[in-house]
Amino acid sequence: MRYKLFFILLLIPLCLKGQAEEPVLHEVVISTELSYGSTSLFIKADGESGFQYSILDMDKNTVYLTGKVTSLEPLVRTGAYSFNTPEGDPYVTGYYSNNIPFRGWKYLDADGQLINNLNYSAAIQFLHNYGDIDIGEDYVFEAKKAPKFPKKGMSGFLKFIRDNAVYPLFPLINQEQGTVTCQFVIDTNGQLINARIVDGVNEDFDLEVLRILSLSPKWTPGKMKGGEPAQVMYKLAVHFQLPD
């Protein structure tokens, strides 16, 4: 992977009755070679369909991205977008709908071969299926036996996030960063449900976090003291940070 990102992952299993324990801080660093420099905008009116929108590096005479926007203030991205490397070579193609990434985002290598395909439409479908399930008050913040992620438990879950996360390109080109805080529940079948943003940054960052959670395999369910299955809620903060 060639994008740069630093993740500080803060997993906070909350205590029963809402009294928080001392949080455990997990740090994951992912380093790549991608780093964009100074930029300027190019905007061309295109009738009723909106505006042609590009971000350029005037010093290098390269184009970082091209696409259309239906509004400039506020900026509303809609339709197909093409992203290039800092050197101006084709890198990613994807779609926005009212600023929301959707469909498949295709990542290419230096030879133009497909190396990754991020399915944001599948993430949105996951939210429809599992994002808003009424679990009432039948959940806990701490179980006698905590849910277990496949392959090395919690450390495996953090590795899973690190291996699957990408730094969204539009914020990367615009040198944006921030922390997305979300919560989710591992139900009595081990399914990750009720993934939602508690404190977000913008559409690109927020949906990327939800996309990662949507890919989670089933966990081993948690259990209460008497052995009965438990629904356990977790809170997760993902810090997207640009390199110095």
Protein backbone atom coordinates (compact mmCIF):
# COMPACT_ATOMS: atom_id res chain seq x y z
CA MET A 1 0.00 0.00 0.00
CA ARG A 2 1.31 3.47 -0.88
CA TYR A 3 -0.76 5.85 1.19
CA LYS A 4 0.43 7.18 4.53
CA LEU A 5 -1.57 6.98 7.65
CA PHE A 6 -1.18 6.73 11.32
CA PHE A 7 -3.93 5.09 13.30
CA ILE A 8 -4.25 5.50 17.03
CA LEU A 9 -6.89 2.97 17.92
CA LEU A 10 -8.55 3.45 21.27
CA LEU A 11 -10.66 0.49 22.29
CA ILE A 12 -12.74 1.26 25.38
CA PRO A 13 -14.71 -1.58 26.93
CA LEU A 14 -17.02 0.35 29.28
CA CYS A 15 -17.99 -0.93 32.70
CA LEU A 16 -21.43 -1.97 33.76
CA LYS A 17 -23.79 0.87 34.70
CA GLY A 18 -21.83 3.29 32.57
CA GLN A 19 -18.88 3.82 34.89
CA ALA A 20 -15.82 3.90 32.63
CA GLU A 21 -12.67 1.97 33.39
CA GLU A 22 -9.26 3.38 32.65
CA PRO A 23 -9.14 3.11 28.82
CA VAL A 24 -6.56 0.88 27.16
CA LEU A 25 -4.77 2.68 24.32
CA HIS A 26 -3.78 0.61 21.28
CA GLU A 27 -1.57 2.25 18.66
CA VAL A 28 -1.26 1.07 15.08
CA VAL A 29 1.06 2.82 12.61
CA ILE A 30 0.81 2.27 8.86
CA SER A 31 3.49 3.99 6.77
CA THR A 32 3.57 4.36 3.00
CA GLU A 33 5.21 6.60 0.44
CA LEU A 34 2.24 8.71 -0.65
CA SER A 35 2.49 12.38 0.28
CA TYR A 36 0.89 15.26 -1.63
CA GLY A 37 2.37 18.73 -1.79
CA SER A 38 0.97 22.22 -2.30
CA THR A 39 -2.19 22.40 -4.39
CA SER A 40 -4.50 24.77 -6.22
CA LEU A 41 -8.02 24.38 -7.59
CA PHE A 42 -9.27 24.40 -11.15
CA ILE A 43 -13.00 24.83 -11.63
CA LYS A 44 -14.82 24.89 -14.96
CA ALA A 45 -18.52 25.63 -15.33
CA ASP A 46 -20.39 22.89 -17.17
CA GLY A 47 -23.98 24.05 -17.57
CA GLU A 48 -26.75 22.55 -15.45
CA SER A 49 -24.80 19.36 -14.70
CA GLY A 50 -22.48 21.15 -12.31
CA PHE A 51 -18.81 22.12 -12.33
CA GLN A 52 -15.72 20.29 -13.49
CA TYR A 53 -13.44 20.22 -10.48
CA SER A 54 -9.72 19.45 -10.33
CA ILE A 55 -6.94 19.73 -7.78
CA LEU A 56 -3.56 20.51 -9.27
CA ASP A 57 0.04 20.86 -8.17
CA MET A 58 1.10 23.96 -10.07
CA ASP A 59 4.78 23.52 -9.18
CA LYS A 60 4.93 20.00 -10.65
CA ASN A 61 2.28 20.64 -13.33
CA THR A 62 0.43 17.46 -12.25
CA VAL A 63 -3.25 16.74 -11.65
CA TYR A 64 -4.15 15.06 -8.36
CA LEU A 65 -7.85 14.49 -9.00
CA THR A 66 -10.68 15.31 -11.39
CA GLY A 67 -14.44 15.03 -10.95
CA LYS A 68 -17.65 17.01 -10.79
CA VAL A 69 -19.33 18.97 -8.06
CA THR A 70 -22.93 20.14 -8.03
CA SER A 71 -22.18 22.89 -5.53
CA LEU A 72 -19.09 24.85 -4.56
CA GLU A 73 -20.31 26.38 -1.29
CA PRO A 74 -20.72 23.92 0.31
CA LEU A 75 -18.68 21.54 -1.82
CA VAL A 76 -20.87 18.63 -3.01
CA ARG A 77 -19.08 15.87 -4.94
CA THR A 78 -21.24 13.71 -7.22
CA GLY A 79 -20.31 11.27 -9.97
CA ALA A 80 -17.10 9.61 -11.15
CA TYR A 81 -13.72 10.73 -9.77
CA SER A 82 -10.19 9.92 -10.85
CA PHE A 83 -7.28 10.23 -8.43
CA ASN A 84 -3.61 10.25 -9.40
CA THR A 85 -0.39 9.67 -7.51
CA PRO A 86 1.68 12.73 -6.48
CA GLU A 87 3.59 12.18 -9.74
CA GLY A 88 0.37 12.40 -11.76
CA ASP A 89 0.01 8.70 -12.64
CA PRO A 90 -3.46 7.03 -12.51
CA TYR A 91 -4.07 5.55 -9.07
CA VAL A 92 -7.74 5.31 -8.00
CA THR A 93 -11.16 5.61 -9.63
CA GLY A 94 -14.34 5.89 -7.60
CA TYR A 95 -17.78 7.45 -7.26
CA TYR A 96 -19.44 9.93 -4.95
CA SER A 97 -23.13 10.52 -4.37
CA ASN A 98 -23.73 13.76 -2.50
CA ASN A 99 -20.26 13.49 -0.94
CA ILE A 100 -20.75 9.84 0.07
CA PRO A 101 -18.29 7.33 -1.45
CA PHE A 102 -20.21 4.46 -3.05
CA ARG A 103 -19.86 1.56 -5.52
CA GLY A 104 -16.39 0.08 -5.99
CA TRP A 105 -13.22 2.14 -5.59
CA LYS A 106 -10.47 0.61 -7.74
CA TYR A 107 -6.79 1.01 -6.82
CA LEU A 108 -4.18 0.51 -9.53
CA ASP A 109 -0.47 -0.20 -9.45
CA ALA A 110 2.18 1.57 -11.54
CA ASP A 111 1.37 -0.71 -14.50
CA GLY A 112 -2.34 0.04 -14.34
CA GLN A 113 -3.22 -3.37 -12.88
CA LEU A 114 -5.97 -3.65 -10.27
CA ILE A 115 -4.51 -4.18 -6.79
CA ASN A 116 -7.49 -3.35 -4.53
CA ASN A 117 -11.23 -2.81 -4.83
CA LEU A 118 -13.03 -1.17 -1.92
CA ASN A 119 -16.76 -1.85 -1.97
CA TYR A 120 -18.49 1.07 -0.27
CA SER A 121 -21.90 -0.04 -1.52
CA ALA A 122 -21.46 -3.28 0.46
CA ALA A 123 -20.65 -1.20 3.54
CA ILE A 124 -23.84 0.82 3.07
CA GLN A 125 -25.83 -2.41 2.65
CA PHE A 126 -24.26 -3.72 5.87
CA LEU A 127 -25.54 -0.62 7.68
CA HIS A 128 -29.03 -1.28 6.32
CA ASN A 129 -28.90 -4.89 7.52
CA TYR A 130 -27.06 -4.57 10.83
CA GLY A 131 -26.65 -0.87 11.57
CA ASP A 132 -29.83 -0.14 13.49
CA ILE A 133 -31.08 -3.25 15.28
CA ASP A 134 -33.22 -2.73 18.35
CA ILE A 135 -31.37 -4.49 21.15
CA GLY A 136 -33.17 -2.60 23.93
CA GLU A 137 -31.27 -2.60 27.20
CA ASP A 138 -30.17 -6.19 26.79
CA TYR A 139 -26.46 -5.50 26.46
CA VAL A 140 -23.50 -4.98 28.75
CA PHE A 141 -20.25 -3.07 28.59
CA GLU A 142 -18.32 -5.85 30.28
CA ALA A 143 -18.95 -9.60 30.32
CA LYS A 144 -17.49 -12.33 32.48
CA LYS A 145 -16.02 -13.79 29.28
CA ALA A 146 -15.42 -11.09 26.67
CA PRO A 147 -16.20 -11.68 22.99
CA LYS A 148 -13.20 -12.99 21.10
CA PHE A 149 -12.16 -11.93 17.63
CA PRO A 150 -10.88 -14.83 15.45
CA LYS A 151 -7.13 -15.23 15.40
CA LYS A 152 -5.45 -13.69 18.45
CA GLY A 153 -8.46 -11.98 19.99
CA MET A 154 -8.29 -8.24 20.45
CA SER A 155 -4.79 -7.92 19.02
CA GLY A 156 -6.11 -9.72 15.96
CA PHE A 157 -8.97 -7.23 15.69
CA LEU A 158 -6.53 -4.31 15.75
CA LYS A 159 -4.41 -6.01 13.10
CA PHE A 160 -7.54 -6.56 11.03
CA ILE A 161 -8.29 -2.82 11.15
CA ARG A 162 -4.71 -1.93 10.31
CA ASP A 163 -4.63 -4.34 7.35
CA ASN A 164 -7.96 -3.20 5.88
CA ALA A 165 -7.99 0.56 6.49
CA VAL A 166 -7.04 3.07 3.83
CA TYR A 167 -6.55 6.79 4.22
CA PRO A 168 -9.29 8.38 2.08
CA LEU A 169 -7.64 10.13 -0.85
CA PHE A 170 -9.70 13.31 -0.97
CA PRO A 171 -8.78 14.24 2.64
CA LEU A 172 -5.20 13.08 2.03
CA ILE A 173 -4.78 15.39 -0.96
CA ASN A 174 -6.34 18.23 1.02
CA GLN A 175 -4.11 17.39 4.02
CA GLU A 176 -7.01 16.74 6.38
CA GLN A 177 -6.88 14.59 9.48
CA GLY A 178 -9.01 13.86 12.52
CA THR A 179 -10.46 11.29 14.91
CA VAL A 180 -13.57 9.21 14.25
CA THR A 181 -15.22 7.70 17.30
CA CYS A 182 -17.71 4.89 16.78
CA GLN A 183 -19.44 2.19 18.75
CA PHE A 184 -20.64 -1.30 17.93
CA VAL A 185 -22.14 -4.37 19.58
CA ILE A 186 -21.06 -8.01 19.35
CA ASP A 187 -24.34 -9.90 19.65
CA THR A 188 -25.04 -13.35 21.06
CA ASN A 189 -24.25 -14.93 17.68
CA GLY A 190 -20.90 -13.15 17.42
CA GLN A 191 -22.17 -10.79 14.70
CA LEU A 192 -20.92 -7.20 14.75
CA ILE A 193 -24.07 -5.04 14.73
CA ASN A 194 -25.20 -1.48 15.47
CA ALA A 195 -22.03 0.10 14.11
CA ARG A 196 -22.50 3.85 14.29
CA ILE A 197 -20.48 7.04 14.42
CA VAL A 198 -20.50 8.77 17.79
CA ASP A 199 -18.19 11.63 16.88
CA GLY A 200 -17.28 11.93 13.22
CA VAL A 201 -15.06 14.09 11.01
CA ASN A 202 -16.55 14.04 7.48
CA GLU A 203 -18.16 11.63 5.03
CA ASP A 204 -14.86 10.19 3.77
CA PHE A 205 -13.37 9.37 7.16
CA ASP A 206 -16.64 8.26 8.75
CA LEU A 207 -17.64 5.84 6.00
CA GLU A 208 -14.13 4.39 5.83
CA VAL A 209 -14.37 3.42 9.52
CA LEU A 210 -17.81 1.88 8.97
CA ARG A 211 -16.51 0.05 5.89
CA ILE A 212 -13.79 -1.61 7.97
CA LEU A 213 -16.29 -2.67 10.64
CA SER A 214 -18.61 -4.08 7.97
CA LEU A 215 -15.83 -6.49 6.94
CA SER A 216 -15.46 -8.01 10.40
CA PRO A 217 -15.89 -11.79 10.54
CA LYS A 218 -17.97 -13.27 13.33
CA TRP A 219 -16.55 -13.24 16.85
CA THR A 220 -16.93 -15.85 19.58
CA PRO A 221 -19.80 -14.38 21.64
CA GLY A 222 -19.25 -13.11 25.15
CA LYS A 223 -20.75 -14.83 28.16
CA MET A 224 -22.13 -13.71 31.49
CA LYS A 225 -21.16 -15.19 34.85
CA GLY A 226 -23.80 -17.92 34.59
CA GLY A 227 -22.65 -18.92 31.10
CA GLU A 228 -25.50 -17.34 29.17
CA PRO A 229 -24.54 -15.43 25.98
CA ALA A 230 -24.12 -11.68 26.28
CA GLN A 231 -24.36 -8.75 23.90
CA VAL A 232 -21.32 -6.56 24.52
CA MET A 233 -20.90 -2.97 23.36
CA TYR A 234 -17.53 -1.46 22.46
CA LYS A 235 -16.39 2.04 21.69
CA LEU A 236 -13.60 2.67 19.23
CA ALA A 237 -11.71 5.84 18.30
CA VAL A 238 -9.72 5.88 15.06
CA HIS A 239 -7.28 8.73 14.67
CA PHE A 240 -6.32 9.58 11.10
CA GLN A 241 -3.10 11.52 11.25
CA LEU A 242 -0.91 12.83 8.48
CA PRO A 243 2.85 12.38 8.80
CA ASP A 244 4.86 15.39 9.90
